[in-house]
Protein backbone atom coordinates (compact mmCIF):
# COMPACT_ATOMS: atom_id res chain seq x y z
CA UNK A 1 27.00 -5.71 16.80
CA UNK A 2 26.62 -8.14 19.69
CA UNK A 3 27.96 -11.58 18.86
CA UNK A 4 25.24 -14.23 19.33
CA UNK A 5 26.35 -17.20 21.39
CA UNK A 6 25.80 -20.56 19.68
CA UNK A 7 23.34 -22.95 21.27
CA UNK A 8 23.82 -26.70 21.23
CA UNK A 9 21.01 -29.05 20.27
CA UNK A 10 22.10 -32.68 20.75
CA UNK A 11 25.67 -31.62 20.02
CA UNK A 12 24.81 -29.59 16.91
CA UNK A 13 25.67 -25.87 17.26
CA UNK A 14 23.10 -23.26 16.24
CA UNK A 15 23.89 -19.58 15.65
CA UNK A 16 20.56 -17.76 15.62
CA UNK A 17 20.60 -14.04 14.89
CA UNK A 18 17.89 -13.24 12.32
CA UNK A 19 14.31 -12.38 13.27
CA UNK A 20 13.05 -15.17 11.00
CA UNK A 21 15.00 -17.87 12.82
CA UNK A 22 14.25 -16.47 16.26
CA UNK A 23 10.54 -16.65 15.44
CA UNK A 24 10.96 -20.22 14.15
CA UNK A 25 12.75 -21.27 17.36
CA UNK A 26 9.95 -19.76 19.46
CA UNK A 27 7.55 -21.94 17.47
CA UNK A 28 9.81 -24.96 18.04
CA UNK A 29 9.67 -24.45 21.81
CA UNK A 30 5.86 -24.35 21.74
CA UNK A 31 5.58 -27.40 19.51
CA UNK A 32 8.22 -29.43 21.36
CA UNK A 33 6.21 -29.92 24.54
CA UNK A 34 3.41 -31.65 22.62
CA UNK A 35 3.40 -35.18 21.19
CA UNK A 36 2.29 -34.05 17.74
CA UNK A 37 4.11 -35.31 14.67
CA UNK A 38 6.09 -32.54 12.99
CA UNK A 39 6.92 -32.11 9.31
CA UNK A 40 9.86 -29.78 8.66
CA UNK A 41 10.17 -28.43 5.13
CA UNK A 42 12.89 -26.33 3.57
CA UNK A 43 15.67 -26.24 1.01
CA UNK A 44 18.63 -28.59 1.20
CA UNK A 45 21.21 -27.33 3.67
CA UNK A 46 18.91 -24.78 5.30
CA UNK A 47 18.97 -26.37 8.77
CA UNK A 48 16.07 -28.83 8.93
CA UNK A 49 18.00 -31.36 11.02
CA UNK A 50 18.94 -28.61 13.46
CA UNK A 51 15.26 -27.78 13.93
CA UNK A 52 14.45 -31.46 14.44
CA UNK A 53 17.14 -31.78 17.09
CA UNK A 54 15.88 -28.62 18.78
CA UNK A 55 12.39 -30.14 18.97
CA UNK A 56 13.72 -33.19 20.81
CA UNK A 57 16.02 -31.07 22.98
CA UNK A 58 13.10 -28.88 24.14
CA UNK A 59 10.61 -31.73 24.53
CA UNK A 60 9.56 -33.77 27.54
CA UNK A 61 11.29 -36.70 25.81
CA UNK A 62 14.70 -35.01 25.91
CA UNK A 63 16.13 -37.63 28.30
CA UNK A 64 14.92 -40.46 26.08
CA UNK A 65 16.48 -41.76 22.84
CA UNK A 66 17.02 -39.63 19.76
CA UNK A 67 17.27 -41.77 16.61
CA UNK A 68 17.72 -40.39 13.10
CA UNK A 69 17.77 -41.97 9.65
CA UNK A 70 17.85 -40.70 6.07
CA UNK A 71 15.15 -42.40 4.02
CA UNK A 72 17.16 -41.63 0.87
CA UNK A 73 20.34 -43.28 2.16
CA UNK A 74 18.85 -46.76 2.57
CA UNK A 75 18.05 -49.07 -0.36
CA UNK A 76 14.39 -49.98 -0.68
CA UNK A 77 15.01 -53.61 0.30
CA UNK A 78 16.71 -52.57 3.55
CA UNK A 79 14.53 -49.75 4.84
CA UNK A 80 11.80 -52.04 6.20
CA UNK A 81 14.27 -54.12 8.21
CA UNK A 82 15.97 -50.93 9.44
CA UNK A 83 12.74 -49.32 10.61
CA UNK A 84 11.00 -52.39 12.01
CA UNK A 85 13.85 -54.83 12.72
CA UNK A 86 14.03 -58.56 12.03
CA UNK A 87 14.25 -61.92 13.76
CA UNK A 88 17.09 -64.37 13.46
CA UNK A 89 16.74 -66.36 10.25
CA UNK A 90 14.26 -63.92 8.69
CA UNK A 91 16.39 -63.84 5.54
CA UNK A 92 19.83 -64.87 4.37
CA UNK A 93 22.41 -63.15 6.57
CA UNK A 94 20.04 -62.51 9.48
CA UNK A 95 22.22 -64.29 12.02
CA UNK A 96 20.73 -62.60 15.08
CA UNK A 97 17.77 -60.53 16.24
CA UNK A 98 17.96 -56.88 15.26
CA UNK A 99 15.63 -54.29 16.83
CA UNK A 100 14.33 -51.71 14.38
CA UNK A 101 14.77 -47.96 14.68
CA UNK A 102 11.24 -47.58 16.03
CA UNK A 103 12.12 -49.86 18.94
CA UNK A 104 15.41 -48.08 19.54
CA UNK A 105 13.54 -44.77 19.71
CA UNK A 106 10.90 -46.06 22.16
CA UNK A 107 9.65 -43.19 24.37
CA UNK A 108 11.91 -40.83 22.47
CA UNK A 109 12.04 -39.22 19.02
CA UNK A 110 12.57 -40.79 15.61
CA UNK A 111 13.73 -38.35 12.95
CA UNK A 112 12.95 -39.44 9.39
CA UNK A 113 15.01 -37.23 7.11
CA UNK A 114 14.21 -36.97 3.39
CA UNK A 115 10.80 -38.54 3.97
CA UNK A 116 9.78 -37.57 0.44
CA UNK A 117 12.04 -40.33 -0.91
CA UNK A 118 10.13 -43.11 0.85
CA UNK A 119 8.73 -45.73 -1.51
CA UNK A 120 4.90 -46.13 -1.69
CA UNK A 121 4.92 -49.62 -0.12
CA UNK A 122 6.79 -48.33 2.91
CA UNK A 123 4.49 -45.32 3.16
CA UNK A 124 1.59 -47.68 3.88
CA UNK A 125 3.49 -49.53 6.63
CA UNK A 126 4.74 -46.29 8.17
CA UNK A 127 1.21 -44.88 8.29
CA UNK A 128 -0.06 -47.90 10.24
CA UNK A 129 2.71 -47.60 12.82
CA UNK A 130 2.11 -43.85 13.19
CA UNK A 131 -1.56 -44.63 13.84
CA UNK A 132 -0.47 -46.80 16.77
CA UNK A 133 -0.99 -50.18 15.12
CA UNK A 134 1.41 -52.85 16.52
CA UNK A 135 3.71 -54.37 13.91
CA UNK A 136 5.83 -57.48 13.33
CA UNK A 137 9.56 -57.52 12.90
CA UNK A 138 10.55 -59.22 9.67
CA UNK A 139 10.18 -62.92 10.30
CA UNK A 140 8.56 -62.26 13.66
CA UNK A 141 5.57 -63.98 15.25
CA UNK A 142 4.95 -61.48 18.02
CA UNK A 143 3.77 -57.93 17.49
CA UNK A 144 5.74 -54.96 18.76
CA UNK A 145 4.20 -51.79 20.17
CA UNK A 146 6.19 -48.59 20.52
CA UNK A 147 5.66 -45.09 21.85
CA UNK A 148 7.60 -42.82 19.53
CA UNK A 149 7.31 -39.19 18.51
CA UNK A 150 8.05 -38.88 14.78
CA UNK A 151 9.64 -35.79 13.26
CA UNK A 152 10.09 -35.84 9.49
CA UNK A 153 11.87 -33.52 7.08
CA UNK A 154 11.97 -33.00 3.34
CA UNK A 155 13.24 -30.58 0.75
CA UNK A 156 10.49 -31.70 -1.62
CA UNK A 157 7.09 -30.09 -1.95
CA UNK A 158 5.03 -32.94 -0.49
CA UNK A 159 1.73 -31.32 -1.40
CA UNK A 160 2.76 -31.43 -5.06
CA UNK A 161 3.90 -35.04 -4.56
CA UNK A 162 0.45 -35.84 -3.15
CA UNK A 163 -1.15 -34.26 -6.20
CA UNK A 164 0.89 -36.44 -8.57
CA UNK A 165 0.31 -39.60 -6.52
CA UNK A 166 3.98 -39.87 -5.50
CA UNK A 167 3.15 -39.44 -1.80
CA UNK A 168 0.12 -40.66 0.10
CA UNK A 169 -2.33 -37.97 1.11
CA UNK A 170 -3.21 -39.70 4.42
CA UNK A 171 0.46 -40.07 5.38
CA UNK A 172 1.13 -36.44 4.53
CA UNK A 173 -1.60 -35.29 6.90
CA UNK A 174 -0.49 -37.73 9.60
CA UNK A 175 3.09 -36.45 9.46
CA UNK A 176 2.14 -32.79 9.27
CA UNK A 177 0.04 -32.42 12.40
CA UNK A 178 2.44 -29.52 12.88
CA UNK A 179 4.27 -28.14 9.85
CA UNK A 180 7.36 -25.94 10.12
CA UNK A 181 9.07 -24.13 7.26
CA UNK A 182 12.78 -23.36 7.55
CA UNK A 183 13.56 -20.20 5.54
CA UNK A 184 16.51 -20.35 3.14
CA UNK A 185 19.65 -18.48 4.13
CA UNK A 186 19.04 -15.75 1.53
CA UNK A 187 15.85 -14.79 3.42
CA UNK A 188 17.62 -14.53 6.78
CA UNK A 189 20.40 -12.07 6.02
CA UNK A 190 21.00 -11.42 9.70
CA UNK A 191 22.33 -14.97 10.10
CA UNK A 192 24.90 -14.94 7.30
CA UNK A 193 27.82 -13.09 8.91
CA UNK A 194 27.34 -14.48 12.47
CA UNK A 195 27.28 -18.06 11.13
CA UNK A 196 30.27 -17.32 8.87
CA UNK A 197 32.19 -15.92 11.86
CA UNK A 198 31.40 -19.05 13.86
CA UNK A 199 32.71 -21.32 11.08
CA UNK A 200 35.80 -19.12 10.70
CA UNK A 201 36.53 -19.25 14.42
CA UNK A 202 36.46 -23.04 14.29
CA UNK A 203 39.29 -22.92 11.74
CA UNK A 204 41.29 -19.98 13.08
CA UNK A 205 40.38 -18.21 16.32
CA UNK A 206 42.45 -15.15 15.30
CA UNK A 207 40.93 -14.75 11.86
CA UNK A 208 38.41 -12.07 10.92
CA UNK A 209 36.50 -10.91 7.87
CA UNK A 210 37.19 -7.58 6.20
CA UNK A 211 34.24 -5.26 5.60
CA UNK A 212 34.40 -6.08 1.90
CA UNK A 213 34.30 -9.81 2.57
CA UNK A 214 31.29 -9.47 4.88
CA UNK A 215 29.45 -7.43 2.26
CA UNK A 216 30.26 -10.06 -0.37
CA UNK A 217 28.87 -12.79 1.89
CA UNK A 218 25.69 -10.80 2.51
CA UNK A 219 24.92 -10.17 -1.16
CA UNK A 220 25.43 -13.79 -2.26
CA UNK A 221 22.23 -15.77 -2.99
CA UNK A 222 23.42 -18.95 -1.17
CA UNK A 223 21.69 -21.62 -3.26
CA UNK A 224 23.44 -24.25 -1.10
CA UNK A 225 22.42 -22.48 2.12
CA UNK A 226 24.41 -23.13 5.32
CA UNK A 227 26.24 -26.10 3.84
CA UNK A 228 27.59 -23.85 1.09
CA UNK A 229 28.48 -21.12 3.60
CA UNK A 230 30.49 -23.55 5.71
CA UNK A 231 32.44 -24.78 2.68
CA UNK A 232 33.19 -21.24 1.45
CA UNK A 233 34.48 -20.14 4.85
CA UNK A 234 36.53 -23.31 5.30
CA UNK A 235 38.22 -22.87 1.93
CA UNK A 236 38.91 -19.15 2.52
CA UNK A 237 40.42 -19.84 5.95
CA UNK A 238 42.72 -22.52 4.57
CA UNK A 239 43.90 -20.61 1.51
CA UNK A 240 44.26 -17.13 3.01
CA UNK A 241 47.82 -15.90 3.65
CA UNK A 242 46.79 -13.75 6.62
CA UNK A 243 44.33 -13.64 9.49
CA UNK A 244 42.12 -11.21 7.58
CA UNK A 245 39.76 -12.83 5.10
CA UNK A 246 39.28 -10.37 2.24
CA UNK A 247 36.91 -10.38 -0.68
CA UNK A 248 39.74 -11.65 -2.85
CA UNK A 249 39.94 -14.80 -0.70
CA UNK A 250 36.37 -15.74 -1.60
CA UNK A 251 35.38 -17.60 -4.78
CA UNK A 252 35.21 -15.50 -7.95
CA UNK A 253 31.41 -15.38 -7.98
CA UNK A 254 31.43 -13.57 -4.61
CA UNK A 255 33.55 -10.66 -5.77
CA UNK A 256 31.87 -7.45 -6.86
CA UNK A 257 32.04 -7.08 -10.62
CA UNK A 258 34.29 -4.15 -11.56
CA UNK A 259 32.56 -1.22 -13.19
CA UNK A 260 33.22 -1.53 -16.92
CA UNK A 261 34.82 1.50 -18.61
CA UNK A 262 32.30 3.87 -20.08
CA UNK A 263 32.00 2.88 -23.72
CA UNK A 264 31.70 5.38 -26.50
CA UNK A 265 28.30 5.30 -28.16
CA UNK A 266 28.32 2.57 -30.77
CA UNK A 267 28.21 3.77 -34.32
CA UNK A 268 26.59 1.56 -36.90
CA UNK A 269 27.98 1.05 -40.39
CA UNK A 270 24.88 2.76 -41.82
CA UNK A 271 25.48 5.74 -39.55
CA UNK A 272 29.10 6.07 -40.67
CA UNK A 273 28.09 5.90 -44.34
CA UNK A 274 25.35 8.47 -43.84
CA UNK A 275 27.72 10.90 -42.17
CA UNK A 276 30.36 10.44 -44.92
CA UNK A 277 27.85 11.12 -47.68
CA UNK A 278 26.65 14.31 -45.98
CA UNK A 279 30.21 15.49 -45.43
CA UNK A 280 31.09 15.02 -49.10
CA UNK A 281 27.88 16.69 -50.23
CA UNK A 282 28.73 19.67 -48.04
CA UNK A 283 32.23 19.82 -49.53
CA UNK A 284 30.86 19.72 -53.08
CA UNK A 285 28.21 22.32 -52.35
CA UNK A 286 25.43 19.80 -52.72
CA UNK A 287 26.49 18.75 -56.19
CA UNK A 288 25.44 15.12 -56.27
CA UNK A 289 27.38 14.17 -59.42
CA UNK A 290 30.64 15.50 -57.95
CA UNK A 291 29.84 13.92 -54.57
CA UNK A 292 29.23 10.55 -56.23
CA UNK A 293 32.59 10.77 -57.99
CA UNK A 294 34.36 11.57 -54.70
CA UNK A 295 32.61 8.70 -52.96
CA UNK A 296 33.39 6.31 -55.81
CA UNK A 297 29.76 5.44 -56.47
CA UNK A 298 27.34 6.17 -59.26
CA UNK A 299 25.00 9.12 -59.26
CA UNK A 300 22.11 6.67 -59.24
CA UNK A 301 23.45 4.87 -56.14
CA UNK A 302 23.89 8.16 -54.31
CA UNK A 303 20.34 9.18 -55.16
CA UNK A 304 19.01 5.87 -53.86
CA UNK A 305 20.90 6.24 -50.58
CA UNK A 306 19.61 9.77 -50.07
CA UNK A 307 16.06 8.50 -50.57
CA UNK A 308 16.80 5.75 -48.05
CA UNK A 309 17.68 8.47 -45.53
CA UNK A 310 14.41 10.26 -46.41
CA UNK A 311 16.31 13.41 -47.30
CA UNK A 312 15.92 13.59 -51.06
CA UNK A 313 18.73 15.83 -52.23
CA UNK A 314 18.81 17.86 -49.05
CA UNK A 315 21.67 18.12 -46.52
CA UNK A 316 21.17 18.20 -42.73
CA UNK A 317 21.72 21.64 -41.20
CA UNK A 318 24.68 20.46 -39.11
CA UNK A 319 26.60 19.83 -42.36
CA UNK A 320 25.74 23.07 -44.14
CA UNK A 321 28.51 25.05 -42.44
CA UNK A 322 31.13 22.71 -43.93
CA UNK A 323 30.54 23.90 -47.51
CA UNK A 324 28.41 26.19 -49.61
CA UNK A 325 25.43 24.68 -51.29
CA UNK A 326 25.06 25.83 -54.88
């Protein structure tokens, strides 16, 4: 199999081998040359930031600033000053003017990661800026106007969040002029081994995966996506005693479960009792009183058990050869 060469998007390497990701990157190239806002959705660790960087890399703004921020990483009381900046003296500790991220990204791209975590009050202010309305820095007296392309990403289902009132419907539509879905790693099997080989090469250029290890990587569900894959490969490369990474070097959940030994058919207690009674009846020629004495039970108990087996006083044919029935 031909080894795909990694591409770099703003310093972030991308190994693209699966049809699903190749199709997504073709869409990225078409979208990038527009000024439309883009909403990137997908599971955590699936590569949303990579797609965002690729959009800027392929855009007409590629020579202009790229600015990124995680909306979940900033406390609510700080996110407004981070996005829109502040003037000296705007609040305690504001000892100098600080441009906001929108200003820093002027004529370039602002990437708002984890946009689904944005508080409702900030959603209103963000919507106004996206609609081109000039804004004030905190403590400012002069409005600021910026020309910024916004790319947002989330691992939440924003349409559900809109339905529950957690996310503004108008902001959702403003952000998702173009919507891209990054498939999880389990749906792009063609990427698993090439990406794993890339991570392995970063740790040990001589190392390689055995066939068993590659098969184990392919069949794993990867709930943590590429982030999980990187960590698994890193750990295997560090702990392996040789340059060949085998299935045994992977975490226990990656190893194929051994085939359990073929078990003998289970025999219930009732089945054992039934067979014993029939054997004794055959030995006593069907004489229930003698059979009861051999079994150590009363004649009445034996009769009740035979009725339970729906056989009356009869004996199954397979037991008849073991004794004569009188």
